[in-house]
ModelCIF file with pLDDT and N, C-alpha, C, O atoms, coordinates in Angstrom:
data_MODEL
#
_entry.id   MODEL 
#
_entity.id                         1 
_entity.type                       polymer 
_entity.pdbx_number_of_molecules   1 
#
_entity_poly.entity_id                      1 
_entity_poly.type                           'polypeptide(L)' 
_entity_poly.nstd_linkage                   no 
_entity_poly.nstd_monomer                   no 
_entity_poly.pdbx_seq_one_letter_code       LTAGEPDGVANMANVAALLWEFLPDLNWAGFYRVAPAKSGEERE 
_entity_poly.pdbx_seq_one_letter_code_can   LTAGEPDGVANMANVAALLWEFLPDLNWAGFYRVAPAKSGEERE 
_entity_poly.pdbx_strand_id                 A 
#
loop_
_entity_poly_seq.entity_id 
_entity_poly_seq.num 
_entity_poly_seq.mon_id 
_entity_poly_seq.hetero 
1 1  LEU n 
1 2  THR n 
1 3  ALA n 
1 4  GLY n 
1 5  GLU n 
1 6  PRO n 
1 7  ASP n 
1 8  GLY n 
1 9  VAL n 
1 10 ALA n 
1 11 ASN n 
1 12 MET n 
1 13 ALA n 
1 14 ASN n 
1 15 VAL n 
1 16 ALA n 
1 17 ALA n 
1 18 LEU n 
1 19 LEU n 
1 20 TRP n 
1 21 GLU n 
1 22 PHE n 
1 23 LEU n 
1 24 PRO n 
1 25 ASP n 
1 26 LEU n 
1 27 ASN n 
1 28 TRP n 
1 29 ALA n 
1 30 GLY n 
1 31 PHE n 
1 32 TYR n 
1 33 ARG n 
1 34 VAL n 
1 35 ALA n 
1 36 PRO n 
1 37 ALA n 
1 38 LYS n 
1 39 SER n 
1 40 GLY n 
1 41 GLU n 
1 42 GLU n 
1 43 ARG n 
1 44 GLU n 
#
_struct_asym.id          A 
_struct_asym.entity_id   1 
#
loop_
_ma_qa_metric.id 
_ma_qa_metric.mode 
_ma_qa_metric.name 
_ma_qa_metric.software_group_id 
_ma_qa_metric.type 
1 global pLDDT . pLDDT 
2 local  pLDDT . pLDDT 
#
_ma_qa_metric_global.metric_id      1 
_ma_qa_metric_global.metric_value   93.73 
_ma_qa_metric_global.model_id       1 
_ma_qa_metric_global.ordinal_id     1 
#
loop_
_ma_qa_metric_local.label_asym_id 
_ma_qa_metric_local.label_comp_id 
_ma_qa_metric_local.label_seq_id 
_ma_qa_metric_local.metric_id 
_ma_qa_metric_local.metric_value 
_ma_qa_metric_local.model_id 
_ma_qa_metric_local.ordinal_id 
A LEU 1  2 96.00 1 1  
A THR 2  2 97.00 1 2  
A ALA 3  2 97.00 1 3  
A GLY 4  2 96.00 1 4  
A GLU 5  2 97.00 1 5  
A PRO 6  2 97.00 1 6  
A ASP 7  2 98.00 1 7  
A GLY 8  2 97.00 1 8  
A VAL 9  2 97.00 1 9  
A ALA 10 2 98.00 1 10 
A ASN 11 2 98.00 1 11 
A MET 12 2 98.00 1 12 
A ALA 13 2 98.00 1 13 
A ASN 14 2 97.00 1 14 
A VAL 15 2 98.00 1 15 
A ALA 16 2 98.00 1 16 
A ALA 17 2 97.00 1 17 
A LEU 18 2 97.00 1 18 
A LEU 19 2 98.00 1 19 
A TRP 20 2 96.00 1 20 
A GLU 21 2 95.00 1 21 
A PHE 22 2 95.00 1 22 
A LEU 23 2 96.00 1 23 
A PRO 24 2 93.00 1 24 
A ASP 25 2 95.00 1 25 
A LEU 26 2 96.00 1 26 
A ASN 27 2 95.00 1 27 
A TRP 28 2 96.00 1 28 
A ALA 29 2 98.00 1 29 
A GLY 30 2 98.00 1 30 
A PHE 31 2 98.00 1 31 
A TYR 32 2 98.00 1 32 
A ARG 33 2 98.00 1 33 
A VAL 34 2 97.00 1 34 
A ALA 35 2 93.00 1 35 
A PRO 36 2 86.00 1 36 
A ALA 37 2 83.00 1 37 
A LYS 38 2 81.00 1 38 
A SER 39 2 77.00 1 39 
A GLY 40 2 73.00 1 40 
A GLU 41 2 70.00 1 41 
A GLU 42 2 84.00 1 42 
A ARG 43 2 89.00 1 43 
A GLU 44 2 95.00 1 44 
#
loop_
_atom_site.group_PDB 
_atom_site.id 
_atom_site.type_symbol 
_atom_site.label_atom_id 
_atom_site.label_alt_id 
_atom_site.label_comp_id 
_atom_site.label_asym_id 
_atom_site.label_entity_id 
_atom_site.label_seq_id 
_atom_site.pdbx_PDB_ins_code 
_atom_site.Cartn_x 
_atom_site.Cartn_y 
_atom_site.Cartn_z 
_atom_site.occupancy 
_atom_site.B_iso_or_equiv 
_atom_site.pdbx_formal_charge 
_atom_site.auth_seq_id 
_atom_site.auth_comp_id 
_atom_site.auth_asym_id 
_atom_site.auth_atom_id 
_atom_site.pdbx_PDB_model_num 
ATOM 1   N N  . LEU A 1 1  ? 78.015 -40.965 -11.490 1.00 96.00 ? 1  LEU A N  1 
ATOM 2   C CA . LEU A 1 1  ? 78.410 -40.380 -10.212 1.00 96.00 ? 1  LEU A CA 1 
ATOM 3   C C  . LEU A 1 1  ? 79.667 -41.010 -9.613  1.00 96.00 ? 1  LEU A C  1 
ATOM 4   O O  . LEU A 1 1  ? 80.415 -40.337 -8.904  1.00 96.00 ? 1  LEU A O  1 
ATOM 5   N N  . THR A 1 2  ? 79.906 -42.288 -9.889  1.00 97.00 ? 2  THR A N  1 
ATOM 6   C CA . THR A 1 2  ? 81.011 -42.981 -9.213  1.00 97.00 ? 2  THR A CA 1 
ATOM 7   C C  . THR A 1 2  ? 82.253 -43.166 -10.073 1.00 97.00 ? 2  THR A C  1 
ATOM 8   O O  . THR A 1 2  ? 83.328 -43.452 -9.546  1.00 97.00 ? 2  THR A O  1 
ATOM 9   N N  . ALA A 1 3  ? 82.126 -43.010 -11.373 1.00 97.00 ? 3  ALA A N  1 
ATOM 10  C CA . ALA A 1 3  ? 83.281 -43.209 -12.271 1.00 97.00 ? 3  ALA A CA 1 
ATOM 11  C C  . ALA A 1 3  ? 84.401 -42.246 -11.894 1.00 97.00 ? 3  ALA A C  1 
ATOM 12  O O  . ALA A 1 3  ? 84.198 -41.034 -11.830 1.00 97.00 ? 3  ALA A O  1 
ATOM 13  N N  . GLY A 1 4  ? 85.567 -42.793 -11.649 1.00 96.00 ? 4  GLY A N  1 
ATOM 14  C CA . GLY A 1 4  ? 86.723 -41.967 -11.367 1.00 96.00 ? 4  GLY A CA 1 
ATOM 15  C C  . GLY A 1 4  ? 86.827 -41.463 -9.937  1.00 96.00 ? 4  GLY A C  1 
ATOM 16  O O  . GLY A 1 4  ? 87.827 -40.839 -9.583  1.00 96.00 ? 4  GLY A O  1 
ATOM 17  N N  . GLU A 1 5  ? 85.817 -41.717 -9.102  1.00 97.00 ? 5  GLU A N  1 
ATOM 18  C CA . GLU A 1 5  ? 85.868 -41.273 -7.700  1.00 97.00 ? 5  GLU A CA 1 
ATOM 19  C C  . GLU A 1 5  ? 86.434 -42.400 -6.844  1.00 97.00 ? 5  GLU A C  1 
ATOM 20  O O  . GLU A 1 5  ? 85.821 -43.465 -6.756  1.00 97.00 ? 5  GLU A O  1 
ATOM 21  N N  . PRO A 1 6  ? 87.592 -42.193 -6.210  1.00 97.00 ? 6  PRO A N  1 
ATOM 22  C CA . PRO A 1 6  ? 88.222 -43.270 -5.451  1.00 97.00 ? 6  PRO A CA 1 
ATOM 23  C C  . PRO A 1 6  ? 87.659 -43.478 -4.041  1.00 97.00 ? 6  PRO A C  1 
ATOM 24  O O  . PRO A 1 6  ? 87.963 -44.488 -3.407  1.00 97.00 ? 6  PRO A O  1 
ATOM 25  N N  . ASP A 1 7  ? 86.850 -42.548 -3.543  1.00 98.00 ? 7  ASP A N  1 
ATOM 26  C CA . ASP A 1 7  ? 86.359 -42.675 -2.174  1.00 98.00 ? 7  ASP A CA 1 
ATOM 27  C C  . ASP A 1 7  ? 85.103 -43.538 -2.127  1.00 98.00 ? 7  ASP A C  1 
ATOM 28  O O  . ASP A 1 7  ? 84.039 -43.128 -2.592  1.00 98.00 ? 7  ASP A O  1 
ATOM 29  N N  . GLY A 1 8  ? 85.236 -44.728 -1.565  1.00 97.00 ? 8  GLY A N  1 
ATOM 30  C CA . GLY A 1 8  ? 84.131 -45.673 -1.513  1.00 97.00 ? 8  GLY A CA 1 
ATOM 31  C C  . GLY A 1 8  ? 82.954 -45.190 -0.693  1.00 97.00 ? 8  GLY A C  1 
ATOM 32  O O  . GLY A 1 8  ? 81.808 -45.465 -1.048  1.00 97.00 ? 8  GLY A O  1 
ATOM 33  N N  . VAL A 1 9  ? 83.204 -44.475 0.396   1.00 97.00 ? 9  VAL A N  1 
ATOM 34  C CA . VAL A 1 9  ? 82.110 -43.972 1.231   1.00 97.00 ? 9  VAL A CA 1 
ATOM 35  C C  . VAL A 1 9  ? 81.290 -42.943 0.457   1.00 97.00 ? 9  VAL A C  1 
ATOM 36  O O  . VAL A 1 9  ? 80.060 -42.960 0.504   1.00 97.00 ? 9  VAL A O  1 
ATOM 37  N N  . ALA A 1 10 ? 81.965 -42.059 -0.246  1.00 98.00 ? 10 ALA A N  1 
ATOM 38  C CA . ALA A 1 10 ? 81.258 -41.063 -1.062  1.00 98.00 ? 10 ALA A CA 1 
ATOM 39  C C  . ALA A 1 10 ? 80.424 -41.756 -2.131  1.00 98.00 ? 10 ALA A C  1 
ATOM 40  O O  . ALA A 1 10 ? 79.289 -41.358 -2.392  1.00 98.00 ? 10 ALA A O  1 
ATOM 41  N N  . ASN A 1 11 ? 80.982 -42.786 -2.747  1.00 98.00 ? 11 ASN A N  1 
ATOM 42  C CA . ASN A 1 11 ? 80.247 -43.502 -3.784  1.00 98.00 ? 11 ASN A CA 1 
ATOM 43  C C  . ASN A 1 11 ? 79.029 -44.220 -3.213  1.00 98.00 ? 11 ASN A C  1 
ATOM 44  O O  . ASN A 1 11 ? 77.956 -44.199 -3.817  1.00 98.00 ? 11 ASN A O  1 
ATOM 45  N N  . MET A 1 12 ? 79.188 -44.855 -2.051  1.00 98.00 ? 12 MET A N  1 
ATOM 46  C CA . MET A 1 12 ? 78.031 -45.511 -1.435  1.00 98.00 ? 12 MET A CA 1 
ATOM 47  C C  . MET A 1 12 ? 76.968 -44.489 -1.044  1.00 98.00 ? 12 MET A C  1 
ATOM 48  O O  . MET A 1 12 ? 75.776 -44.750 -1.210  1.00 98.00 ? 12 MET A O  1 
ATOM 49  N N  . ALA A 1 13 ? 77.376 -43.336 -0.531  1.00 98.00 ? 13 ALA A N  1 
ATOM 50  C CA . ALA A 1 13 ? 76.416 -42.309 -0.133  1.00 98.00 ? 13 ALA A CA 1 
ATOM 51  C C  . ALA A 1 13 ? 75.608 -41.811 -1.327  1.00 98.00 ? 13 ALA A C  1 
ATOM 52  O O  . ALA A 1 13 ? 74.386 -41.686 -1.248  1.00 98.00 ? 13 ALA A O  1 
ATOM 53  N N  . ASN A 1 14 ? 76.287 -41.529 -2.423  1.00 97.00 ? 14 ASN A N  1 
ATOM 54  C CA . ASN A 1 14 ? 75.569 -41.069 -3.609  1.00 97.00 ? 14 ASN A CA 1 
ATOM 55  C C  . ASN A 1 14 ? 74.645 -42.147 -4.164  1.00 97.00 ? 14 ASN A C  1 
ATOM 56  O O  . ASN A 1 14 ? 73.534 -41.841 -4.597  1.00 97.00 ? 14 ASN A O  1 
ATOM 57  N N  . VAL A 1 15 ? 75.080 -43.388 -4.156  1.00 98.00 ? 15 VAL A N  1 
ATOM 58  C CA . VAL A 1 15 ? 74.236 -44.464 -4.681  1.00 98.00 ? 15 VAL A CA 1 
ATOM 59  C C  . VAL A 1 15 ? 73.040 -44.707 -3.763  1.00 98.00 ? 15 VAL A C  1 
ATOM 60  O O  . VAL A 1 15 ? 71.947 -44.996 -4.251  1.00 98.00 ? 15 VAL A O  1 
ATOM 61  N N  . ALA A 1 16 ? 73.221 -44.598 -2.452  1.00 98.00 ? 16 ALA A N  1 
ATOM 62  C CA . ALA A 1 16 ? 72.073 -44.717 -1.544  1.00 98.00 ? 16 ALA A CA 1 
ATOM 63  C C  . ALA A 1 16 ? 71.025 -43.657 -1.874  1.00 98.00 ? 16 ALA A C  1 
ATOM 64  O O  . ALA A 1 16 ? 69.828 -43.943 -1.881  1.00 98.00 ? 16 ALA A O  1 
ATOM 65  N N  . ALA A 1 17 ? 71.475 -42.442 -2.145  1.00 97.00 ? 17 ALA A N  1 
ATOM 66  C CA . ALA A 1 17 ? 70.542 -41.367 -2.520  1.00 97.00 ? 17 ALA A CA 1 
ATOM 67  C C  . ALA A 1 17 ? 69.862 -41.676 -3.853  1.00 97.00 ? 17 ALA A C  1 
ATOM 68  O O  . ALA A 1 17 ? 68.668 -41.420 -4.016  1.00 97.00 ? 17 ALA A O  1 
ATOM 69  N N  . LEU A 1 18 ? 70.615 -42.222 -4.801  1.00 97.00 ? 18 LEU A N  1 
ATOM 70  C CA . LEU A 1 18 ? 70.004 -42.592 -6.087  1.00 97.00 ? 18 LEU A CA 1 
ATOM 71  C C  . LEU A 1 18 ? 68.955 -43.686 -5.911  1.00 97.00 ? 18 LEU A C  1 
ATOM 72  O O  . LEU A 1 18 ? 67.878 -43.609 -6.502  1.00 97.00 ? 18 LEU A O  1 
ATOM 73  N N  . LEU A 1 19 ? 69.255 -44.693 -5.116  1.00 98.00 ? 19 LEU A N  1 
ATOM 74  C CA . LEU A 1 19 ? 68.282 -45.762 -4.877  1.00 98.00 ? 19 LEU A CA 1 
ATOM 75  C C  . LEU A 1 19 ? 66.986 -45.182 -4.325  1.00 98.00 ? 19 LEU A C  1 
ATOM 76  O O  . LEU A 1 19 ? 65.894 -45.558 -4.753  1.00 98.00 ? 19 LEU A O  1 
ATOM 77  N N  . TRP A 1 20 ? 67.114 -44.275 -3.382  1.00 96.00 ? 20 TRP A N  1 
ATOM 78  C CA . TRP A 1 20 ? 65.947 -43.633 -2.757  1.00 96.00 ? 20 TRP A CA 1 
ATOM 79  C C  . TRP A 1 20 ? 65.145 -42.839 -3.792  1.00 96.00 ? 20 TRP A C  1 
ATOM 80  O O  . TRP A 1 20 ? 63.914 -42.839 -3.779  1.00 96.00 ? 20 TRP A O  1 
ATOM 81  N N  . GLU A 1 21 ? 65.863 -42.173 -4.674  1.00 95.00 ? 21 GLU A N  1 
ATOM 82  C CA . GLU A 1 21 ? 65.221 -41.342 -5.696  1.00 95.00 ? 21 GLU A CA 1 
ATOM 83  C C  . GLU A 1 21 ? 64.570 -42.175 -6.803  1.00 95.00 ? 21 GLU A C  1 
ATOM 84  O O  . GLU A 1 21 ? 63.494 -41.827 -7.289  1.00 95.00 ? 21 GLU A O  1 
ATOM 85  N N  . PHE A 1 22 ? 65.208 -43.257 -7.197  1.00 95.00 ? 22 PHE A N  1 
ATOM 86  C CA . PHE A 1 22 ? 64.758 -44.016 -8.356  1.00 95.00 ? 22 PHE A CA 1 
ATOM 87  C C  . PHE A 1 22 ? 63.718 -45.085 -8.041  1.00 95.00 ? 22 PHE A C  1 
ATOM 88  O O  . PHE A 1 22 ? 62.881 -45.397 -8.888  1.00 95.00 ? 22 PHE A O  1 
ATOM 89  N N  . LEU A 1 23 ? 63.755 -45.646 -6.850  1.00 96.00 ? 23 LEU A N  1 
ATOM 90  C CA . LEU A 1 23 ? 62.888 -46.781 -6.540  1.00 96.00 ? 23 LEU A CA 1 
ATOM 91  C C  . LEU A 1 23 ? 61.776 -46.354 -5.584  1.00 96.00 ? 23 LEU A C  1 
ATOM 92  O O  . LEU A 1 23 ? 62.050 -45.980 -4.444  1.00 96.00 ? 23 LEU A O  1 
ATOM 93  N N  . PRO A 1 24 ? 60.540 -46.406 -6.035  1.00 93.00 ? 24 PRO A N  1 
ATOM 94  C CA . PRO A 1 24 ? 59.429 -45.976 -5.178  1.00 93.00 ? 24 PRO A CA 1 
ATOM 95  C C  . PRO A 1 24 ? 59.147 -46.988 -4.070  1.00 93.00 ? 24 PRO A C  1 
ATOM 96  O O  . PRO A 1 24 ? 59.571 -48.141 -4.137  1.00 93.00 ? 24 PRO A O  1 
ATOM 97  N N  . ASP A 1 25 ? 58.436 -46.537 -3.072  1.00 95.00 ? 25 ASP A N  1 
ATOM 98  C CA . ASP A 1 25 ? 57.904 -47.380 -2.002  1.00 95.00 ? 25 ASP A CA 1 
ATOM 99  C C  . ASP A 1 25 ? 59.004 -48.033 -1.172  1.00 95.00 ? 25 ASP A C  1 
ATOM 100 O O  . ASP A 1 25 ? 58.921 -49.216 -0.839  1.00 95.00 ? 25 ASP A O  1 
ATOM 101 N N  . LEU A 1 26 ? 60.040 -47.253 -0.837  1.00 96.00 ? 26 LEU A N  1 
ATOM 102 C CA . LEU A 1 26 ? 61.095 -47.725 0.055   1.00 96.00 ? 26 LEU A CA 1 
ATOM 103 C C  . LEU A 1 26 ? 60.967 -47.002 1.395   1.00 96.00 ? 26 LEU A C  1 
ATOM 104 O O  . LEU A 1 26 ? 60.491 -45.868 1.454   1.00 96.00 ? 26 LEU A O  1 
ATOM 105 N N  . ASN A 1 27 ? 61.392 -47.662 2.460   1.00 95.00 ? 27 ASN A N  1 
ATOM 106 C CA . ASN A 1 27 ? 61.560 -46.955 3.725   1.00 95.00 ? 27 ASN A CA 1 
ATOM 107 C C  . ASN A 1 27 ? 63.011 -47.025 4.214   1.00 95.00 ? 27 ASN A C  1 
ATOM 108 O O  . ASN A 1 27 ? 63.342 -46.480 5.267   1.00 95.00 ? 27 ASN A O  1 
ATOM 109 N N  . TRP A 1 28 ? 63.880 -47.703 3.437   1.00 96.00 ? 28 TRP A N  1 
ATOM 110 C CA . TRP A 1 28 ? 65.308 -47.746 3.755   1.00 96.00 ? 28 TRP A CA 1 
ATOM 111 C C  . TRP A 1 28 ? 66.057 -48.187 2.511   1.00 96.00 ? 28 TRP A C  1 
ATOM 112 O O  . TRP A 1 28 ? 65.625 -49.098 1.804   1.00 96.00 ? 28 TRP A O  1 
ATOM 113 N N  . ALA A 1 29 ? 67.177 -47.537 2.250   1.00 98.00 ? 29 ALA A N  1 
ATOM 114 C CA . ALA A 1 29 ? 68.032 -47.910 1.114   1.00 98.00 ? 29 ALA A CA 1 
ATOM 115 C C  . ALA A 1 29 ? 69.460 -47.574 1.479   1.00 98.00 ? 29 ALA A C  1 
ATOM 116 O O  . ALA A 1 29 ? 69.771 -46.438 1.836   1.00 98.00 ? 29 ALA A O  1 
ATOM 117 N N  . GLY A 1 30 ? 70.334 -48.575 1.388   1.00 98.00 ? 30 GLY A N  1 
ATOM 118 C CA . GLY A 1 30 ? 71.721 -48.281 1.699   1.00 98.00 ? 30 GLY A CA 1 
ATOM 119 C C  . GLY A 1 30 ? 72.609 -49.497 1.706   1.00 98.00 ? 30 GLY A C  1 
ATOM 120 O O  . GLY A 1 30 ? 72.315 -50.519 1.087   1.00 98.00 ? 30 GLY A O  1 
ATOM 121 N N  . PHE A 1 31 ? 73.707 -49.357 2.427   1.00 98.00 ? 31 PHE A N  1 
ATOM 122 C CA . PHE A 1 31 ? 74.787 -50.337 2.410   1.00 98.00 ? 31 PHE A CA 1 
ATOM 123 C C  . PHE A 1 31 ? 75.149 -50.791 3.816   1.00 98.00 ? 31 PHE A C  1 
ATOM 124 O O  . PHE A 1 31 ? 75.091 -50.031 4.782   1.00 98.00 ? 31 PHE A O  1 
ATOM 125 N N  . TYR A 1 32 ? 75.521 -52.048 3.887   1.00 98.00 ? 32 TYR A N  1 
ATOM 126 C CA . TYR A 1 32 ? 76.281 -52.574 5.013   1.00 98.00 ? 32 TYR A CA 1 
ATOM 127 C C  . TYR A 1 32 ? 77.598 -53.043 4.417   1.00 98.00 ? 32 TYR A C  1 
ATOM 128 O O  . TYR A 1 32 ? 77.605 -53.698 3.374   1.00 98.00 ? 32 TYR A O  1 
ATOM 129 N N  . ARG A 1 33 ? 78.712 -52.718 5.061   1.00 98.00 ? 33 ARG A N  1 
ATOM 130 C CA . ARG A 1 33 ? 80.011 -53.107 4.552   1.00 98.00 ? 33 ARG A CA 1 
ATOM 131 C C  . ARG A 1 33 ? 80.622 -54.172 5.447   1.00 98.00 ? 33 ARG A C  1 
ATOM 132 O O  . ARG A 1 33 ? 80.334 -54.236 6.642   1.00 98.00 ? 33 ARG A O  1 
ATOM 133 N N  . VAL A 1 34 ? 81.459 -54.998 4.863   1.00 97.00 ? 34 VAL A N  1 
ATOM 134 C CA . VAL A 1 34 ? 82.123 -56.053 5.615   1.00 97.00 ? 34 VAL A CA 1 
ATOM 135 C C  . VAL A 1 34 ? 83.301 -55.438 6.365   1.00 97.00 ? 34 VAL A C  1 
ATOM 136 O O  . VAL A 1 34 ? 84.117 -54.713 5.796   1.00 97.00 ? 34 VAL A O  1 
ATOM 137 N N  . ALA A 1 35 ? 83.363 -55.750 7.666   1.00 93.00 ? 35 ALA A N  1 
ATOM 138 C CA . ALA A 1 35 ? 84.440 -55.237 8.516   1.00 93.00 ? 35 ALA A CA 1 
ATOM 139 C C  . ALA A 1 35 ? 84.734 -56.270 9.599   1.00 93.00 ? 35 ALA A C  1 
ATOM 140 O O  . ALA A 1 35 ? 83.932 -57.174 9.832   1.00 93.00 ? 35 ALA A O  1 
ATOM 141 N N  . PRO A 1 36 ? 85.881 -56.137 10.259  1.00 86.00 ? 36 PRO A N  1 
ATOM 142 C CA . PRO A 1 36 ? 86.154 -57.047 11.369  1.00 86.00 ? 36 PRO A CA 1 
ATOM 143 C C  . PRO A 1 36 ? 85.098 -56.885 12.463  1.00 86.00 ? 36 PRO A C  1 
ATOM 144 O O  . PRO A 1 36 ? 84.615 -55.782 12.717  1.00 86.00 ? 36 PRO A O  1 
ATOM 145 N N  . ALA A 1 37 ? 84.751 -57.988 13.099  1.00 83.00 ? 37 ALA A N  1 
ATOM 146 C CA . ALA A 1 37 ? 83.814 -57.942 14.216  1.00 83.00 ? 37 ALA A CA 1 
ATOM 147 C C  . ALA A 1 37 ? 84.466 -57.207 15.383  1.00 83.00 ? 37 ALA A C  1 
ATOM 148 O O  . ALA A 1 37 ? 85.689 -57.077 15.435  1.00 83.00 ? 37 ALA A O  1 
ATOM 149 N N  . LYS A 1 38 ? 83.661 -56.735 16.302  1.00 81.00 ? 38 LYS A N  1 
ATOM 150 C CA . LYS A 1 38 ? 84.192 -56.040 17.474  1.00 81.00 ? 38 LYS A CA 1 
ATOM 151 C C  . LYS A 1 38 ? 85.249 -56.885 18.183  1.00 81.00 ? 38 LYS A C  1 
ATOM 152 O O  . LYS A 1 38 ? 86.248 -56.363 18.679  1.00 81.00 ? 38 LYS A O  1 
ATOM 153 N N  . SER A 1 39 ? 85.015 -58.184 18.224  1.00 77.00 ? 39 SER A N  1 
ATOM 154 C CA . SER A 1 39 ? 85.964 -59.076 18.888  1.00 77.00 ? 39 SER A CA 1 
ATOM 155 C C  . SER A 1 39 ? 87.248 -59.232 18.092  1.00 77.00 ? 39 SER A C  1 
ATOM 156 O O  . SER A 1 39 ? 88.269 -59.668 18.624  1.00 77.00 ? 39 SER A O  1 
ATOM 157 N N  . GLY A 1 40 ? 87.192 -58.870 16.804  1.00 73.00 ? 40 GLY A N  1 
ATOM 158 C CA . GLY A 1 40 ? 88.364 -58.969 15.949  1.00 73.00 ? 40 GLY A CA 1 
ATOM 159 C C  . GLY A 1 40 ? 88.609 -60.361 15.400  1.00 73.00 ? 40 GLY A C  1 
ATOM 160 O O  . GLY A 1 40 ? 89.515 -60.552 14.588  1.00 73.00 ? 40 GLY A O  1 
ATOM 161 N N  . GLU A 1 41 ? 87.816 -61.340 15.828  1.00 70.00 ? 41 GLU A N  1 
ATOM 162 C CA . GLU A 1 41 ? 88.033 -62.718 15.401  1.00 70.00 ? 41 GLU A CA 1 
ATOM 163 C C  . GLU A 1 41 ? 87.291 -63.082 14.125  1.00 70.00 ? 41 GLU A C  1 
ATOM 164 O O  . GLU A 1 41 ? 87.700 -64.005 13.420  1.00 70.00 ? 41 GLU A O  1 
ATOM 165 N N  . GLU A 1 42 ? 86.219 -62.382 13.815  1.00 84.00 ? 42 GLU A N  1 
ATOM 166 C CA . GLU A 1 42 ? 85.394 -62.709 12.653  1.00 84.00 ? 42 GLU A CA 1 
ATOM 167 C C  . GLU A 1 42 ? 85.087 -61.439 11.885  1.00 84.00 ? 42 GLU A C  1 
ATOM 168 O O  . GLU A 1 42 ? 85.467 -60.335 12.272  1.00 84.00 ? 42 GLU A O  1 
ATOM 169 N N  . ARG A 1 43 ? 84.375 -61.642 10.766  1.00 89.00 ? 43 ARG A N  1 
ATOM 170 C CA . ARG A 1 43 ? 83.888 -60.497 10.006  1.00 89.00 ? 43 ARG A CA 1 
ATOM 171 C C  . ARG A 1 43 ? 82.393 -60.369 10.244  1.00 89.00 ? 43 ARG A C  1 
ATOM 172 O O  . ARG A 1 43 ? 81.712 -61.349 10.545  1.00 89.00 ? 43 ARG A O  1 
ATOM 173 N N  . GLU A 1 44 ? 81.897 -59.163 10.107  1.00 95.00 ? 44 GLU A N  1 
ATOM 174 C CA . GLU A 1 44 ? 80.468 -58.914 10.198  1.00 95.00 ? 44 GLU A CA 1 
ATOM 175 C C  . GLU A 1 44 ? 80.126 -57.731 9.299   1.00 95.00 ? 44 GLU A C  1 
ATOM 176 O O  . GLU A 1 44 ? 78.963 -57.335 9.215   1.00 95.00 ? 44 GLU A O  1 
#
């Protein structure tokens, strides 16, 4: 699903769906990405 696709958000979305489909007994599956903090001084 991700080979050759340059859009990281699309790739994360498809993989989140795959995790949900492949792994039983989940109530949440997905990503948190590293970004600047609201204050702009740190990452979160």
